[in-house]
Amino acid sequence: MKKRYVTVLLVLMVWGGLLPGIFPEAWGVPKIKILFIGDSITAGYGIAKEEAYPALLGQKLESLGIHHVEIINGSISGSTTASALSRLKWFRKTSPDILVLALGANDGLRGLSVENMEDNLGRAITFAKNNNMDVILAGMQIPPNYGPEYADDFKQVFTTLADDHEIVLIPFLLEGVGGRSNMNQPDGIHPNRAGHQQIAKTVFPFILKQIQEP
């Protein structure tokens, strides 16, 4: 894989405003492409595209002087994990370096097979790694509508996948958002603007660490 990170010194200098107007490409740092594959949450259902958390992450990086990252949002509302691999194959042409895989919520809301969900996500992760993508898996949790055993098994899938495939896990994508009326739209499911801002805060440290690692 192409070298995708800046040195700590360069990052500190850019953040400190010591290199105004100088883009990382000029220092031999290639552009990093981050692909998000998710459902309506990551697609930004009900809000403007630029207010969805993937776009907010891009804006945050830009504000810190990190200009060599491109955000690609390949999320579609209503998607389940069954679409993960086919969509990933389609987006391979964009040559992403990092995949943020944020699917599973709709599987859980519909009470779909946890075993199938794990298999679907696992095949997508394997494909991504085989195509030189670093993977960040977004963990999800669901209310016990289908019983506590199903909810526990659902949550465990993400930890198991992260351990088995040795990838980065965001423990819970909706940390500080799920179940909070002030963070969600009237449907109680989709985050509002404040909710997406909170999700961006949750995800940002994982993104920043990934783009700085060799």
C-alpha atoms as a PDB file:
ATOM      1  CA  MET A   1       0.000   0.000   0.000  1.00  0.00           C
ATOM      2  CA  LYS A   2       1.178   3.477  -0.731  1.00  0.00           C
ATOM      3  CA  LYS A   3       2.550   5.492   2.164  1.00  0.00           C
ATOM      4  CA  ARG A   4      -0.397   7.325   3.668  1.00  0.00           C
ATOM      5  CA  TYR A   5       0.736   9.285   6.657  1.00  0.00           C
ATOM      6  CA  VAL A   6       2.495  12.451   7.642  1.00  0.00           C
ATOM      7  CA  THR A   7       5.226  12.578  10.238  1.00  0.00           C
ATOM      8  CA  VAL A   8       4.322  13.752  13.704  1.00  0.00           C
ATOM      9  CA  LEU A   9       6.505  16.791  13.203  1.00  0.00           C
ATOM     10  CA  LEU A  10       4.731  17.814  10.019  1.00  0.00           C
ATOM     11  CA  VAL A  11       1.303  17.370  11.597  1.00  0.00           C
ATOM     12  CA  LEU A  12       2.275  19.513  14.560  1.00  0.00           C
ATOM     13  CA  MET A  13       3.692  22.185  12.282  1.00  0.00           C
ATOM     14  CA  VAL A  14       0.559  22.249  10.136  1.00  0.00           C
ATOM     15  CA  TRP A  15      -1.719  22.361  13.180  1.00  0.00           C
ATOM     16  CA  GLY A  16       0.401  25.126  14.636  1.00  0.00           C
ATOM     17  CA  GLY A  17       0.082  27.190  11.495  1.00  0.00           C
ATOM     18  CA  LEU A  18       3.806  27.078  10.852  1.00  0.00           C
ATOM     19  CA  LEU A  19       3.344  25.952   7.266  1.00  0.00           C
ATOM     20  CA  PRO A  20       0.552  28.181   5.960  1.00  0.00           C
ATOM     21  CA  GLY A  21      -0.458  27.516   2.384  1.00  0.00           C
ATOM     22  CA  ILE A  22       1.716  24.435   2.025  1.00  0.00           C
ATOM     23  CA  PHE A  23      -0.229  21.313   1.126  1.00  0.00           C
ATOM     24  CA  PRO A  24       0.932  17.857   2.213  1.00  0.00           C
ATOM     25  CA  GLU A  25       1.124  16.748  -1.441  1.00  0.00           C
ATOM     26  CA  ALA A  26       4.034  19.124  -1.864  1.00  0.00           C
ATOM     27  CA  TRP A  27       5.896  17.077   0.753  1.00  0.00           C
ATOM     28  CA  GLY A  28       5.280  13.809  -1.062  1.00  0.00           C
ATOM     29  CA  VAL A  29       2.234  12.774   0.972  1.00  0.00           C
ATOM     30  CA  PRO A  30      -0.361  11.131  -1.303  1.00  0.00           C
ATOM     31  CA  LYS A  31      -4.075  11.638  -0.874  1.00  0.00           C
ATOM     32  CA  ILE A  32      -5.834   9.245   1.484  1.00  0.00           C
ATOM     33  CA  LYS A  33      -9.302   8.114   0.414  1.00  0.00           C
ATOM     34  CA  ILE A  34     -11.725   7.090   3.147  1.00  0.00           C
ATOM     35  CA  LEU A  35     -14.795   5.169   2.014  1.00  0.00           C
ATOM     36  CA  PHE A  36     -17.882   4.989   4.212  1.00  0.00           C
ATOM     37  CA  ILE A  37     -20.272   2.111   3.553  1.00  0.00           C
ATOM     38  CA  GLY A  38     -23.336   2.445   5.736  1.00  0.00           C
ATOM     39  CA  ASP A  39     -27.089   2.888   5.906  1.00  0.00           C
ATOM     40  CA  SER A  40     -29.353   5.889   6.491  1.00  0.00           C
ATOM     41  CA  ILE A  41     -27.421   6.958   9.583  1.00  0.00           C
ATOM     42  CA  THR A  42     -24.159   7.382   7.685  1.00  0.00           C
ATOM     43  CA  ALA A  43     -25.945   8.622   4.561  1.00  0.00           C
ATOM     44  CA  GLY A  44     -27.340  11.504   6.625  1.00  0.00           C
ATOM     45  CA  TYR A  45     -31.040  10.799   6.255  1.00  0.00           C
ATOM     46  CA  GLY A  46     -33.171  13.862   6.977  1.00  0.00           C
ATOM     47  CA  ILE A  47     -30.342  16.396   7.042  1.00  0.00           C
ATOM     48  CA  ALA A  48     -28.155  18.158   4.495  1.00  0.00           C
ATOM     49  CA  LYS A  49     -25.335  16.105   3.008  1.00  0.00           C
ATOM     50  CA  GLU A  50     -22.698  18.415   4.455  1.00  0.00           C
ATOM     51  CA  GLU A  51     -24.169  17.934   7.942  1.00  0.00           C
ATOM     52  CA  ALA A  52     -23.759  14.146   7.970  1.00  0.00           C
ATOM     53  CA  TYR A  53     -20.923  12.895  10.127  1.00  0.00           C
ATOM     54  CA  PRO A  54     -18.642  11.713   7.269  1.00  0.00           C
ATOM     55  CA  ALA A  55     -18.697  15.246   5.826  1.00  0.00           C
ATOM     56  CA  LEU A  56     -18.119  16.712   9.292  1.00  0.00           C
ATOM     57  CA  LEU A  57     -15.054  14.511   9.680  1.00  0.00           C
ATOM     58  CA  GLY A  58     -13.670  15.865   6.426  1.00  0.00           C
ATOM     59  CA  GLN A  59     -14.332  19.414   7.570  1.00  0.00           C
ATOM     60  CA  LYS A  60     -12.588  18.756  10.887  1.00  0.00           C
ATOM     61  CA  LEU A  61      -9.502  17.397   9.166  1.00  0.00           C
ATOM     62  CA  GLU A  62      -9.410  20.423   6.860  1.00  0.00           C
ATOM     63  CA  SER A  63      -9.664  22.764   9.849  1.00  0.00           C
ATOM     64  CA  LEU A  64      -6.577  21.112  11.311  1.00  0.00           C
ATOM     65  CA  GLY A  65      -4.612  21.673   8.118  1.00  0.00           C
ATOM     66  CA  ILE A  66      -4.891  18.069   6.951  1.00  0.00           C
ATOM     67  CA  HIS A  67      -5.771  18.558   3.297  1.00  0.00           C
ATOM     68  CA  HIS A  68      -4.743  15.200   1.841  1.00  0.00           C
ATOM     69  CA  VAL A  69      -7.851  13.222   2.862  1.00  0.00           C
ATOM     70  CA  GLU A  70     -10.828  12.586   0.576  1.00  0.00           C
ATOM     71  CA  ILE A  71     -14.142  11.430   2.044  1.00  0.00           C
ATOM     72  CA  ILE A  72     -16.278   9.122  -0.110  1.00  0.00           C
ATOM     73  CA  ASN A  73     -19.733   8.414   1.277  1.00  0.00           C
ATOM     74  CA  GLY A  74     -21.134   5.271  -0.314  1.00  0.00           C
ATOM     75  CA  SER A  75     -23.994   4.883   2.139  1.00  0.00           C
ATOM     76  CA  ILE A  76     -27.594   4.152   1.141  1.00  0.00           C
ATOM     77  CA  SER A  77     -30.674   4.464   3.330  1.00  0.00           C
ATOM     78  CA  GLY A  78     -32.348   1.171   4.150  1.00  0.00           C
ATOM     79  CA  SER A  79     -29.267  -0.927   3.508  1.00  0.00           C
ATOM     80  CA  THR A  80     -28.604  -4.127   5.401  1.00  0.00           C
ATOM     81  CA  THR A  81     -25.336  -6.022   5.636  1.00  0.00           C
ATOM     82  CA  ALA A  82     -26.453  -8.115   2.646  1.00  0.00           C
ATOM     83  CA  SER A  83     -25.404  -5.233   0.377  1.00  0.00           C
ATOM     84  CA  ALA A  84     -21.988  -4.690   1.951  1.00  0.00           C
ATOM     85  CA  LEU A  85     -19.859  -6.778  -0.382  1.00  0.00           C
ATOM     86  CA  SER A  86     -21.550  -5.773  -3.649  1.00  0.00           C
ATOM     87  CA  ARG A  87     -21.297  -2.077  -2.821  1.00  0.00           C
ATOM     88  CA  LEU A  88     -17.707  -2.446  -1.763  1.00  0.00           C
ATOM     89  CA  LYS A  89     -16.874  -4.142  -5.059  1.00  0.00           C
ATOM     90  CA  TRP A  90     -18.503  -1.264  -6.918  1.00  0.00           C
ATOM     91  CA  PHE A  91     -16.571   1.376  -4.971  1.00  0.00           C
ATOM     92  CA  ARG A  92     -13.254  -0.429  -5.380  1.00  0.00           C
ATOM     93  CA  LYS A  93     -12.762   1.611  -8.554  1.00  0.00           C
ATOM     94  CA  THR A  94     -12.277   4.693  -6.357  1.00  0.00           C
ATOM     95  CA  SER A  95      -9.186   3.023  -4.833  1.00  0.00           C
ATOM     96  CA  PRO A  96     -10.038   3.661  -1.167  1.00  0.00           C
ATOM     97  CA  ASP A  97      -7.284   3.335   1.430  1.00  0.00           C
ATOM     98  CA  ILE A  98      -9.568   3.093   4.458  1.00  0.00           C
ATOM     99  CA  LEU A  99     -13.014   1.545   4.761  1.00  0.00           C
ATOM    100  CA  VAL A 100     -15.397   2.608   7.510  1.00  0.00           C
ATOM    101  CA  LEU A 101     -17.972  -0.182   7.593  1.00  0.00           C
ATOM    102  CA  ALA A 102     -21.116   1.028   9.350  1.00  0.00           C
ATOM    103  CA  LEU A 103     -23.835  -1.496   8.610  1.00  0.00           C
ATOM    104  CA  GLY A 104     -26.022  -3.719  10.757  1.00  0.00           C
ATOM    105  CA  ALA A 105     -28.597  -1.377  12.263  1.00  0.00           C
ATOM    106  CA  ASN A 106     -31.288  -2.379   9.774  1.00  0.00           C
ATOM    107  CA  ASP A 107     -30.507  -6.068  10.270  1.00  0.00           C
ATOM    108  CA  GLY A 108     -31.154  -5.594  13.971  1.00  0.00           C
ATOM    109  CA  LEU A 109     -34.287  -3.502  13.571  1.00  0.00           C
ATOM    110  CA  ARG A 110     -35.755  -6.193  11.324  1.00  0.00           C
ATOM    111  CA  GLY A 111     -34.677  -9.063  13.532  1.00  0.00           C
ATOM    112  CA  LEU A 112     -32.610 -10.647  10.763  1.00  0.00           C
ATOM    113  CA  SER A 113     -30.236 -13.525  11.361  1.00  0.00           C
ATOM    114  CA  VAL A 114     -27.227 -12.554  13.448  1.00  0.00           C
ATOM    115  CA  GLU A 115     -25.248 -15.375  11.831  1.00  0.00           C
ATOM    116  CA  ASN A 116     -25.976 -14.014   8.356  1.00  0.00           C
ATOM    117  CA  MET A 117     -25.049 -10.511   9.475  1.00  0.00           C
ATOM    118  CA  GLU A 118     -21.703 -11.744  10.752  1.00  0.00           C
ATOM    119  CA  ASP A 119     -21.068 -13.629   7.517  1.00  0.00           C
ATOM    120  CA  ASN A 120     -22.020 -10.618   5.372  1.00  0.00           C
ATOM    121  CA  LEU A 121     -19.758  -8.248   7.264  1.00  0.00           C
ATOM    122  CA  GLY A 122     -16.965 -10.801   7.404  1.00  0.00           C
ATOM    123  CA  ARG A 123     -16.927 -11.254   3.625  1.00  0.00           C
ATOM    124  CA  ALA A 124     -16.833  -7.485   3.119  1.00  0.00           C
ATOM    125  CA  ILE A 125     -13.963  -7.118   5.572  1.00  0.00           C
ATOM    126  CA  THR A 126     -12.002  -9.900   3.891  1.00  0.00           C
ATOM    127  CA  PHE A 127     -12.524  -8.331   0.470  1.00  0.00           C
ATOM    128  CA  ALA A 128     -11.408  -4.931   1.770  1.00  0.00           C
ATOM    129  CA  LYS A 129      -8.246  -6.311   3.343  1.00  0.00           C
ATOM    130  CA  ASN A 130      -7.441  -8.320   0.221  1.00  0.00           C
ATOM    131  CA  ASN A 131      -7.653  -5.059  -1.713  1.00  0.00           C
ATOM    132  CA  ASN A 132      -5.264  -3.179   0.567  1.00  0.00           C
ATOM    133  CA  MET A 133      -7.866  -1.278   2.572  1.00  0.00           C
ATOM    134  CA  ASP A 134      -7.535  -0.695   6.285  1.00  0.00           C
ATOM    135  CA  VAL A 135     -10.889  -1.372   7.926  1.00  0.00           C
ATOM    136  CA  ILE A 136     -12.624   0.481  10.737  1.00  0.00           C
ATOM    137  CA  LEU A 137     -15.737  -1.372  11.875  1.00  0.00           C
ATOM    138  CA  ALA A 138     -18.510   0.674  13.490  1.00  0.00           C
ATOM    139  CA  GLY A 139     -20.164  -1.279  16.282  1.00  0.00           C
ATOM    140  CA  MET A 140     -23.909  -1.070  16.765  1.00  0.00           C
ATOM    141  CA  GLN A 141     -26.354  -1.899  19.531  1.00  0.00           C
ATOM    142  CA  ILE A 142     -30.116  -2.359  19.453  1.00  0.00           C
ATOM    143  CA  PRO A 143     -32.899  -2.203  22.043  1.00  0.00           C
ATOM    144  CA  PRO A 144     -34.138  -5.586  23.307  1.00  0.00           C
ATOM    145  CA  ASN A 145     -37.250  -5.610  21.110  1.00  0.00           C
ATOM    146  CA  TYR A 146     -36.506  -9.176  20.019  1.00  0.00           C
ATOM    147  CA  GLY A 147     -35.335 -10.229  23.452  1.00  0.00           C
ATOM    148  CA  PRO A 148     -32.127  -9.631  25.417  1.00  0.00           C
ATOM    149  CA  GLU A 149     -30.404 -12.702  23.961  1.00  0.00           C
ATOM    150  CA  TYR A 150     -30.779 -11.425  20.406  1.00  0.00           C
ATOM    151  CA  ALA A 151     -29.591  -7.955  21.444  1.00  0.00           C
ATOM    152  CA  ASP A 152     -26.526  -9.411  23.175  1.00  0.00           C
ATOM    153  CA  ASP A 153     -25.681 -11.677  20.244  1.00  0.00           C
ATOM    154  CA  PHE A 154     -26.084  -8.733  17.871  1.00  0.00           C
ATOM    155  CA  LYS A 155     -23.682  -6.551  19.856  1.00  0.00           C
ATOM    156  CA  GLN A 156     -21.131  -9.362  20.155  1.00  0.00           C
ATOM    157  CA  VAL A 157     -20.883  -9.795  16.382  1.00  0.00           C
ATOM    158  CA  PHE A 158     -18.879  -6.604  16.003  1.00  0.00           C
ATOM    159  CA  THR A 159     -16.385  -7.472  18.732  1.00  0.00           C
ATOM    160  CA  THR A 160     -15.935 -10.962  17.304  1.00  0.00           C
ATOM    161  CA  LEU A 161     -15.328  -9.655  13.795  1.00  0.00           C
ATOM    162  CA  ALA A 162     -12.840  -7.057  14.988  1.00  0.00           C
ATOM    163  CA  ASP A 163     -10.907  -9.688  16.948  1.00  0.00           C
ATOM    164  CA  ASP A 164     -10.993 -12.338  14.223  1.00  0.00           C
ATOM    165  CA  HIS A 165      -9.941  -9.976  11.437  1.00  0.00           C
ATOM    166  CA  GLU A 166      -7.635  -7.843  13.594  1.00  0.00           C
ATOM    167  CA  ILE A 167      -9.263  -4.565  12.592  1.00  0.00           C
ATOM    168  CA  VAL A 168     -10.151  -1.367  14.414  1.00  0.00           C
ATOM    169  CA  LEU A 169     -13.507  -1.321  16.213  1.00  0.00           C
ATOM    170  CA  ILE A 170     -15.530   1.731  17.171  1.00  0.00           C
ATOM    171  CA  PRO A 171     -17.405   0.153  20.104  1.00  0.00           C
ATOM    172  CA  PHE A 172     -20.709   1.965  19.498  1.00  0.00           C
ATOM    173  CA  LEU A 173     -21.269   4.361  16.614  1.00  0.00           C
ATOM    174  CA  LEU A 174     -24.223   6.025  18.341  1.00  0.00           C
ATOM    175  CA  GLU A 175     -22.516   6.588  21.682  1.00  0.00           C
ATOM    176  CA  GLY A 176     -24.217   9.579  23.319  1.00  0.00           C
ATOM    177  CA  VAL A 177     -26.833   9.651  20.559  1.00  0.00           C
ATOM    178  CA  GLY A 178     -28.895   6.467  20.657  1.00  0.00           C
ATOM    179  CA  GLY A 179     -32.051   6.805  22.720  1.00  0.00           C
ATOM    180  CA  ARG A 180     -31.645  10.553  23.310  1.00  0.00           C
ATOM    181  CA  SER A 181     -34.486  12.643  21.962  1.00  0.00           C
ATOM    182  CA  ASN A 182     -32.391  15.801  21.681  1.00  0.00           C
ATOM    183  CA  MET A 183     -29.932  13.989  19.429  1.00  0.00           C
ATOM    184  CA  ASN A 184     -32.459  12.439  17.066  1.00  0.00           C
ATOM    185  CA  GLN A 185     -35.121  13.421  14.608  1.00  0.00           C
ATOM    186  CA  PRO A 186     -38.801  12.994  15.565  1.00  0.00           C
ATOM    187  CA  ASP A 187     -38.738   9.351  14.415  1.00  0.00           C
ATOM    188  CA  GLY A 188     -36.364   8.592  17.298  1.00  0.00           C
ATOM    189  CA  ILE A 189     -34.106   6.589  14.980  1.00  0.00           C
ATOM    190  CA  HIS A 190     -32.168   8.953  12.744  1.00  0.00           C
ATOM    191  CA  PRO A 191     -29.702  11.432  14.268  1.00  0.00           C
ATOM    192  CA  ASN A 192     -30.354  15.135  13.802  1.00  0.00           C
ATOM    193  CA  ARG A 193     -27.626  17.698  13.208  1.00  0.00           C
ATOM    194  CA  ALA A 194     -26.545  17.632  16.855  1.00  0.00           C
ATOM    195  CA  GLY A 195     -26.509  13.847  16.736  1.00  0.00           C
ATOM    196  CA  HIS A 196     -24.234  13.804  13.717  1.00  0.00           C
ATOM    197  CA  GLN A 197     -21.905  16.248  15.413  1.00  0.00           C
ATOM    198  CA  GLN A 198     -21.675  13.861  18.347  1.00  0.00           C
ATOM    199  CA  ILE A 199     -21.053  10.881  16.059  1.00  0.00           C
ATOM    200  CA  ALA A 200     -18.263  12.833  14.368  1.00  0.00           C
ATOM    201  CA  LYS A 201     -16.669  13.413  17.787  1.00  0.00           C
ATOM    202  CA  THR A 202     -16.865   9.689  18.504  1.00  0.00           C
ATOM    203  CA  VAL A 203     -15.393   8.621  15.172  1.00  0.00           C
ATOM    204  CA  PHE A 204     -12.750  11.324  14.702  1.00  0.00           C
ATOM    205  CA  PRO A 205     -10.027   9.893  16.997  1.00  0.00           C
ATOM    206  CA  PHE A 206     -10.192   6.572  15.141  1.00  0.00           C
ATOM    207  CA  ILE A 207      -9.869   8.313  11.775  1.00  0.00           C
ATOM    208  CA  LEU A 208      -7.014  10.537  12.899  1.00  0.00           C
ATOM    209  CA  LYS A 209      -5.070   7.621  14.346  1.00  0.00           C
ATOM    210  CA  GLN A 210      -5.566   5.551  11.196  1.00  0.00           C
ATOM    211  CA  ILE A 211      -4.320   8.188   8.779  1.00  0.00           C
ATOM    212  CA  GLN A 212      -1.235   8.840  10.894  1.00  0.00           C
ATOM    213  CA  GLU A 213      -0.180   5.204  11.154  1.00  0.00           C
ATOM    214  CA  PRO A 214       2.271   3.652   8.661  1.00  0.00           C
END
